[in-house]
Amino acid sequence: MSGLIRTISTRTAPALRGPMITQRASVFTRPAKDPLGPAETVIGLGMFAVAILGPSGWVLANIENYKKKE
């Protein structure tokens, strides 16, 4: 009897849930076709450093302007 209930529940459950959304991810496990050169690596790391450290450097350079209450 439990086998019958299990069969019925496994066949009707997907129909009750509605349409399934399939997830498609474009993940590539192969190495890059053209490896990055040292210049591209330095430029990329430099841009990340500027993007992260630039705003905090601006605030620290202008800290006296932020302290003034007018």
PDB file of N, CA and C in Angstrom:
ATOM      1  N   MET A   1       0.824  -1.188   0.000  1.00  0.00           N
ATOM      2  CA  MET A   1       0.000   0.000   0.000  1.00  0.00           C
ATOM      3  C   MET A   1       0.876   1.262   0.000  1.00  0.00           C
ATOM      4  N   SER A   2       1.949   1.242   0.770  1.00  0.00           N
ATOM      5  CA  SER A   2       2.800   2.431   0.809  1.00  0.00           C
ATOM      6  C   SER A   2       3.479   2.668  -0.539  1.00  0.00           C
ATOM      7  N   GLY A   3       3.774   1.595  -1.283  1.00  0.00           N
ATOM      8  CA  GLY A   3       4.351   1.747  -2.617  1.00  0.00           C
ATOM      9  C   GLY A   3       3.395   2.439  -3.563  1.00  0.00           C
ATOM     10  N   LEU A   4       2.123   2.149  -3.438  1.00  0.00           N
ATOM     11  CA  LEU A   4       1.111   2.789  -4.273  1.00  0.00           C
ATOM     12  C   LEU A   4       1.012   4.285  -3.958  1.00  0.00           C
ATOM     13  N   ILE A   5       1.029   4.619  -2.686  1.00  0.00           N
ATOM     14  CA  ILE A   5       0.954   6.030  -2.279  1.00  0.00           C
ATOM     15  C   ILE A   5       2.200   6.776  -2.742  1.00  0.00           C
ATOM     16  N   ARG A   6       3.364   6.140  -2.609  1.00  0.00           N
ATOM     17  CA  ARG A   6       4.614   6.763  -3.031  1.00  0.00           C
ATOM     18  C   ARG A   6       4.591   7.009  -4.538  1.00  0.00           C
ATOM     19  N   THR A   7       4.112   6.076  -5.314  1.00  0.00           N
ATOM     20  CA  THR A   7       4.038   6.224  -6.762  1.00  0.00           C
ATOM     21  C   THR A   7       3.092   7.350  -7.149  1.00  0.00           C
ATOM     22  N   ILE A   8       1.960   7.390  -6.508  1.00  0.00           N
ATOM     23  CA  ILE A   8       0.987   8.442  -6.810  1.00  0.00           C
ATOM     24  C   ILE A   8       1.550   9.808  -6.441  1.00  0.00           C
ATOM     25  N   SER A   9       2.197   9.910  -5.290  1.00  0.00           N
ATOM     26  CA  SER A   9       2.711  11.206  -4.852  1.00  0.00           C
ATOM     27  C   SER A   9       3.867  11.674  -5.723  1.00  0.00           C
ATOM     28  N   THR A  10       4.731  10.757  -6.174  1.00  0.00           N
ATOM     29  CA  THR A  10       5.858  11.184  -7.009  1.00  0.00           C
ATOM     30  C   THR A  10       5.405  11.593  -8.402  1.00  0.00           C
ATOM     31  N   ARG A  11       4.300  11.067  -8.868  1.00  0.00           N
ATOM     32  CA  ARG A  11       3.815  11.433 -10.201  1.00  0.00           C
ATOM     33  C   ARG A  11       2.922  12.662 -10.182  1.00  0.00           C
ATOM     34  N   THR A  12       2.247  12.923  -9.103  1.00  0.00           N
ATOM     35  CA  THR A  12       1.349  14.082  -9.060  1.00  0.00           C
ATOM     36  C   THR A  12       2.025  15.327  -8.501  1.00  0.00           C
ATOM     37  N   ALA A  13       3.075  15.167  -7.724  1.00  0.00           N
ATOM     38  CA  ALA A  13       3.731  16.328  -7.118  1.00  0.00           C
ATOM     39  C   ALA A  13       4.268  17.307  -8.162  1.00  0.00           C
ATOM     40  N   PRO A  14       4.968  16.868  -9.201  1.00  0.00           N
ATOM     41  CA  PRO A  14       5.431  17.847 -10.197  1.00  0.00           C
ATOM     42  C   PRO A  14       4.290  18.564 -10.908  1.00  0.00           C
ATOM     43  N   ALA A  15       3.189  17.894 -11.118  1.00  0.00           N
ATOM     44  CA  ALA A  15       2.054  18.527 -11.788  1.00  0.00           C
ATOM     45  C   ALA A  15       1.434  19.595 -10.894  1.00  0.00           C
ATOM     46  N   LEU A  16       1.447  19.385  -9.603  1.00  0.00           N
ATOM     47  CA  LEU A  16       0.874  20.363  -8.679  1.00  0.00           C
ATOM     48  C   LEU A  16       1.785  21.561  -8.466  1.00  0.00           C
ATOM     49  N   ARG A  17       3.086  21.380  -8.627  1.00  0.00           N
ATOM     50  CA  ARG A  17       4.041  22.472  -8.412  1.00  0.00           C
ATOM     51  C   ARG A  17       4.021  23.491  -9.536  1.00  0.00           C
ATOM     52  N   GLY A  18       3.628  23.112 -10.716  1.00  0.00           N
ATOM     53  CA  GLY A  18       3.613  24.027 -11.851  1.00  0.00           C
ATOM     54  C   GLY A  18       4.842  23.822 -12.719  1.00  0.00           C
ATOM     55  N   PRO A  19       5.017  24.700 -13.691  1.00  0.00           N
ATOM     56  CA  PRO A  19       6.142  24.531 -14.613  1.00  0.00           C
ATOM     57  C   PRO A  19       7.480  24.754 -13.899  1.00  0.00           C
ATOM     58  N   MET A  20       8.426  23.925 -14.247  1.00  0.00           N
ATOM     59  CA  MET A  20       9.749  24.033 -13.640  1.00  0.00           C
ATOM     60  C   MET A  20      10.579  25.042 -14.419  1.00  0.00           C
ATOM     61  N   ILE A  21      11.356  25.806 -13.702  1.00  0.00           N
ATOM     62  CA  ILE A  21      12.265  26.765 -14.325  1.00  0.00           C
ATOM     63  C   ILE A  21      13.638  26.113 -14.393  1.00  0.00           C
ATOM     64  N   THR A  22      14.133  25.960 -15.598  1.00  0.00           N
ATOM     65  CA  THR A  22      15.447  25.351 -15.733  1.00  0.00           C
ATOM     66  C   THR A  22      16.496  26.445 -15.659  1.00  0.00           C
ATOM     67  N   GLN A  23      17.529  26.196 -14.906  1.00  0.00           N
ATOM     68  CA  GLN A  23      18.612  27.155 -14.757  1.00  0.00           C
ATOM     69  C   GLN A  23      19.740  26.757 -15.692  1.00  0.00           C
ATOM     70  N   ARG A  24      20.137  27.689 -16.480  1.00  0.00           N
ATOM     71  CA  ARG A  24      21.240  27.438 -17.398  1.00  0.00           C
ATOM     72  C   ARG A  24      22.348  28.421 -17.065  1.00  0.00           C
ATOM     73  N   ALA A  25      23.453  27.909 -16.664  1.00  0.00           N
ATOM     74  CA  ALA A  25      24.598  28.751 -16.345  1.00  0.00           C
ATOM     75  C   ALA A  25      25.666  28.535 -17.401  1.00  0.00           C
ATOM     76  N   SER A  26      26.289  29.609 -17.789  1.00  0.00           N
ATOM     77  CA  SER A  26      27.368  29.492 -18.765  1.00  0.00           C
ATOM     78  C   SER A  26      28.698  29.442 -18.011  1.00  0.00           C
ATOM     79  N   VAL A  27      29.024  28.280 -17.535  1.00  0.00           N
ATOM     80  CA  VAL A  27      30.259  28.077 -16.793  1.00  0.00           C
ATOM     81  C   VAL A  27      31.210  27.297 -17.683  1.00  0.00           C
ATOM     82  N   PHE A  28      32.393  27.834 -17.849  1.00  0.00           N
ATOM     83  CA  PHE A  28      33.383  27.182 -18.675  1.00  0.00           C
ATOM     84  C   PHE A  28      34.508  26.685 -17.790  1.00  0.00           C
ATOM     85  N   THR A  29      34.877  25.443 -17.945  1.00  0.00           N
ATOM     86  CA  THR A  29      35.923  24.867 -17.108  1.00  0.00           C
ATOM     87  C   THR A  29      37.253  24.787 -17.828  1.00  0.00           C
ATOM     88  N   ARG A  30      37.283  25.218 -19.067  1.00  0.00           N
ATOM     89  CA  ARG A  30      38.535  25.200 -19.808  1.00  0.00           C
ATOM     90  C   ARG A  30      39.324  26.467 -19.530  1.00  0.00           C
ATOM     91  N   PRO A  31      40.641  26.430 -19.735  1.00  0.00           N
ATOM     92  CA  PRO A  31      41.430  27.660 -19.605  1.00  0.00           C
ATOM     93  C   PRO A  31      41.066  28.649 -20.717  1.00  0.00           C
ATOM     94  N   ALA A  32      41.454  29.871 -20.542  1.00  0.00           N
ATOM     95  CA  ALA A  32      41.148  30.908 -21.516  1.00  0.00           C
ATOM     96  C   ALA A  32      41.849  30.611 -22.838  1.00  0.00           C
ATOM     97  N   LYS A  33      41.226  31.050 -23.931  1.00  0.00           N
ATOM     98  CA  LYS A  33      41.842  30.831 -25.240  1.00  0.00           C
ATOM     99  C   LYS A  33      43.146  31.623 -25.363  1.00  0.00           C
ATOM    100  N   ASP A  34      43.102  32.877 -24.932  1.00  0.00           N
ATOM    101  CA  ASP A  34      44.298  33.724 -24.946  1.00  0.00           C
ATOM    102  C   ASP A  34      44.631  34.086 -23.511  1.00  0.00           C
ATOM    103  N   PRO A  35      45.745  33.598 -22.978  1.00  0.00           N
ATOM    104  CA  PRO A  35      46.079  33.931 -21.587  1.00  0.00           C
ATOM    105  C   PRO A  35      46.383  35.418 -21.431  1.00  0.00           C
ATOM    106  N   LEU A  36      46.089  35.951 -20.250  1.00  0.00           N
ATOM    107  CA  LEU A  36      46.344  37.361 -19.978  1.00  0.00           C
ATOM    108  C   LEU A  36      47.835  37.600 -19.834  1.00  0.00           C
ATOM    109  N   GLY A  37      48.268  38.698 -20.387  1.00  0.00           N
ATOM    110  CA  GLY A  37      49.668  39.068 -20.281  1.00  0.00           C
ATOM    111  C   GLY A  37      49.923  39.830 -19.000  1.00  0.00           C
ATOM    112  N   PRO A  38      51.201  40.072 -18.687  1.00  0.00           N
ATOM    113  CA  PRO A  38      51.531  40.805 -17.458  1.00  0.00           C
ATOM    114  C   PRO A  38      51.005  42.242 -17.462  1.00  0.00           C
ATOM    115  N   ALA A  39      51.005  42.883 -18.623  1.00  0.00           N
ATOM    116  CA  ALA A  39      50.510  44.271 -18.690  1.00  0.00           C
ATOM    117  C   ALA A  39      49.020  44.323 -18.383  1.00  0.00           C
ATOM    118  N   GLU A  40      48.243  43.403 -18.931  1.00  0.00           N
ATOM    119  CA  GLU A  40      46.799  43.386 -18.663  1.00  0.00           C
ATOM    120  C   GLU A  40      46.517  43.083 -17.200  1.00  0.00           C
ATOM    121  N   THR A  41      47.321  42.217 -16.605  1.00  0.00           N
ATOM    122  CA  THR A  41      47.149  41.888 -15.192  1.00  0.00           C
ATOM    123  C   THR A  41      47.439  43.101 -14.323  1.00  0.00           C
ATOM    124  N   VAL A  42      48.516  43.823 -14.618  1.00  0.00           N
ATOM    125  CA  VAL A  42      48.871  45.014 -13.834  1.00  0.00           C
ATOM    126  C   VAL A  42      47.809  46.094 -13.983  1.00  0.00           C
ATOM    127  N   ILE A  43      47.310  46.285 -15.193  1.00  0.00           N
ATOM    128  CA  ILE A  43      46.265  47.300 -15.408  1.00  0.00           C
ATOM    129  C   ILE A  43      44.996  46.919 -14.656  1.00  0.00           C
ATOM    130  N   GLY A  44      44.606  45.662 -14.703  1.00  0.00           N
ATOM    131  CA  GLY A  44      43.402  45.214 -13.994  1.00  0.00           C
ATOM    132  C   GLY A  44      43.524  45.372 -12.497  1.00  0.00           C
ATOM    133  N   LEU A  45      44.647  44.950 -11.933  1.00  0.00           N
ATOM    134  CA  LEU A  45      44.842  45.091 -10.481  1.00  0.00           C
ATOM    135  C   LEU A  45      44.944  46.557 -10.076  1.00  0.00           C
ATOM    136  N   GLY A  46      45.556  47.367 -10.934  1.00  0.00           N
ATOM    137  CA  GLY A  46      45.655  48.803 -10.643  1.00  0.00           C
ATOM    138  C   GLY A  46      44.292  49.473 -10.616  1.00  0.00           C
ATOM    139  N   MET A  47      43.424  49.095 -11.546  1.00  0.00           N
ATOM    140  CA  MET A  47      42.078  49.683 -11.578  1.00  0.00           C
ATOM    141  C   MET A  47      41.260  49.272 -10.353  1.00  0.00           C
ATOM    142  N   PHE A  48      41.409  48.011  -9.928  1.00  0.00           N
ATOM    143  CA  PHE A  48      40.721  47.577  -8.709  1.00  0.00           C
ATOM    144  C   PHE A  48      41.240  48.349  -7.502  1.00  0.00           C
ATOM    145  N   ALA A  49      42.541  48.553  -7.424  1.00  0.00           N
ATOM    146  CA  ALA A  49      43.114  49.287  -6.292  1.00  0.00           C
ATOM    147  C   ALA A  49      42.599  50.724  -6.265  1.00  0.00           C
ATOM    148  N   VAL A  50      42.548  51.370  -7.422  1.00  0.00           N
ATOM    149  CA  VAL A  50      42.043  52.749  -7.483  1.00  0.00           C
ATOM    150  C   VAL A  50      40.568  52.794  -7.104  1.00  0.00           C
ATOM    151  N   ALA A  51      39.803  51.823  -7.562  1.00  0.00           N
ATOM    152  CA  ALA A  51      38.368  51.806  -7.268  1.00  0.00           C
ATOM    153  C   ALA A  51      38.105  51.589  -5.780  1.00  0.00           C
ATOM    154  N   ILE A  52      38.961  50.839  -5.113  1.00  0.00           N
ATOM    155  CA  ILE A  52      38.748  50.551  -3.696  1.00  0.00           C
ATOM    156  C   ILE A  52      39.384  51.617  -2.813  1.00  0.00           C
ATOM    157  N   LEU A  53      40.616  51.994  -3.121  1.00  0.00           N
ATOM    158  CA  LEU A  53      41.340  52.921  -2.252  1.00  0.00           C
ATOM    159  C   LEU A  53      41.099  54.388  -2.596  1.00  0.00           C
ATOM    160  N   GLY A  54      40.631  54.683  -3.788  1.00  0.00           N
ATOM    161  CA  GLY A  54      40.423  56.071  -4.206  1.00  0.00           C
ATOM    162  C   GLY A  54      39.437  56.835  -3.332  1.00  0.00           C
ATOM    163  N   PRO A  55      38.222  56.332  -3.128  1.00  0.00           N
ATOM    164  CA  PRO A  55      37.263  57.071  -2.301  1.00  0.00           C
ATOM    165  C   PRO A  55      37.715  57.250  -0.852  1.00  0.00           C
ATOM    166  N   SER A  56      38.333  56.221  -0.279  1.00  0.00           N
ATOM    167  CA  SER A  56      38.793  56.372   1.105  1.00  0.00           C
ATOM    168  C   SER A  56      39.949  57.363   1.179  1.00  0.00           C
ATOM    169  N   GLY A  57      40.815  57.388   0.182  1.00  0.00           N
ATOM    170  CA  GLY A  57      41.891  58.384   0.146  1.00  0.00           C
ATOM    171  C   GLY A  57      41.351  59.793   0.015  1.00  0.00           C
ATOM    172  N   TRP A  58      40.282  59.940  -0.765  1.00  0.00           N
ATOM    173  CA  TRP A  58      39.655  61.262  -0.928  1.00  0.00           C
ATOM    174  C   TRP A  58      39.101  61.751   0.411  1.00  0.00           C
ATOM    175  N   VAL A  59      38.440  60.873   1.130  1.00  0.00           N
ATOM    176  CA  VAL A  59      37.866  61.263   2.422  1.00  0.00           C
ATOM    177  C   VAL A  59      38.979  61.629   3.398  1.00  0.00           C
ATOM    178  N   LEU A  60      40.031  60.823   3.451  1.00  0.00           N
ATOM    179  CA  LEU A  60      41.129  61.121   4.371  1.00  0.00           C
ATOM    180  C   LEU A  60      41.860  62.402   3.989  1.00  0.00           C
ATOM    181  N   ALA A  61      41.975  62.699   2.705  1.00  0.00           N
ATOM    182  CA  ALA A  61      42.647  63.927   2.275  1.00  0.00           C
ATOM    183  C   ALA A  61      41.810  65.162   2.592  1.00  0.00           C
ATOM    184  N   ASN A  62      40.500  65.021   2.641  1.00  0.00           N
ATOM    185  CA  ASN A  62      39.612  66.157   2.885  1.00  0.00           C
ATOM    186  C   ASN A  62      38.923  66.071   4.245  1.00  0.00           C
ATOM    187  N   ILE A  63      39.555  65.398   5.199  1.00  0.00           N
ATOM    188  CA  ILE A  63      38.914  65.183   6.504  1.00  0.00           C
ATOM    189  C   ILE A  63      38.666  66.507   7.241  1.00  0.00           C
ATOM    190  N   GLU A  64      39.543  67.464   7.036  1.00  0.00           N
ATOM    191  CA  GLU A  64      39.357  68.765   7.720  1.00  0.00           C
ATOM    192  C   GLU A  64      38.119  69.489   7.206  1.00  0.00           C
ATOM    193  N   ASN A  65      37.818  69.329   5.922  1.00  0.00           N
ATOM    194  CA  ASN A  65      36.624  69.953   5.357  1.00  0.00           C
ATOM    195  C   ASN A  65      35.353  69.328   5.932  1.00  0.00           C
ATOM    196  N   TYR A  66      35.416  68.042   6.239  1.00  0.00           N
ATOM    197  CA  TYR A  66      34.252  67.365   6.787  1.00  0.00           C
ATOM    198  C   TYR A  66      34.038  67.708   8.265  1.00  0.00           C
ATOM    199  N   LYS A  67      35.125  68.086   8.957  1.00  0.00           N
ATOM    200  CA  LYS A  67      35.015  68.417  10.384  1.00  0.00           C
ATOM    201  C   LYS A  67      34.376  69.781  10.604  1.00  0.00           C
ATOM    202  N   LYS A  68      34.519  70.669   9.635  1.00  0.00           N
ATOM    203  CA  LYS A  68      33.997  72.032   9.800  1.00  0.00           C
ATOM    204  C   LYS A  68      32.477  72.009   9.823  1.00  0.00           C
ATOM    205  N   LYS A  69      31.934  72.741  10.810  1.00  0.00           N
ATOM    206  CA  LYS A  69      30.476  72.851  10.900  1.00  0.00           C
ATOM    207  C   LYS A  69      30.103  74.303  10.637  1.00  0.00           C
ATOM    208  N   GLU A  70      29.465  74.525   9.519  1.00  0.00           N
ATOM    209  CA  GLU A  70      29.065  75.906   9.190  1.00  0.00           C
ATOM    210  C   GLU A  70      27.592  75.958   8.894  1.00  0.00           C
TER     211      GLU A  70
END
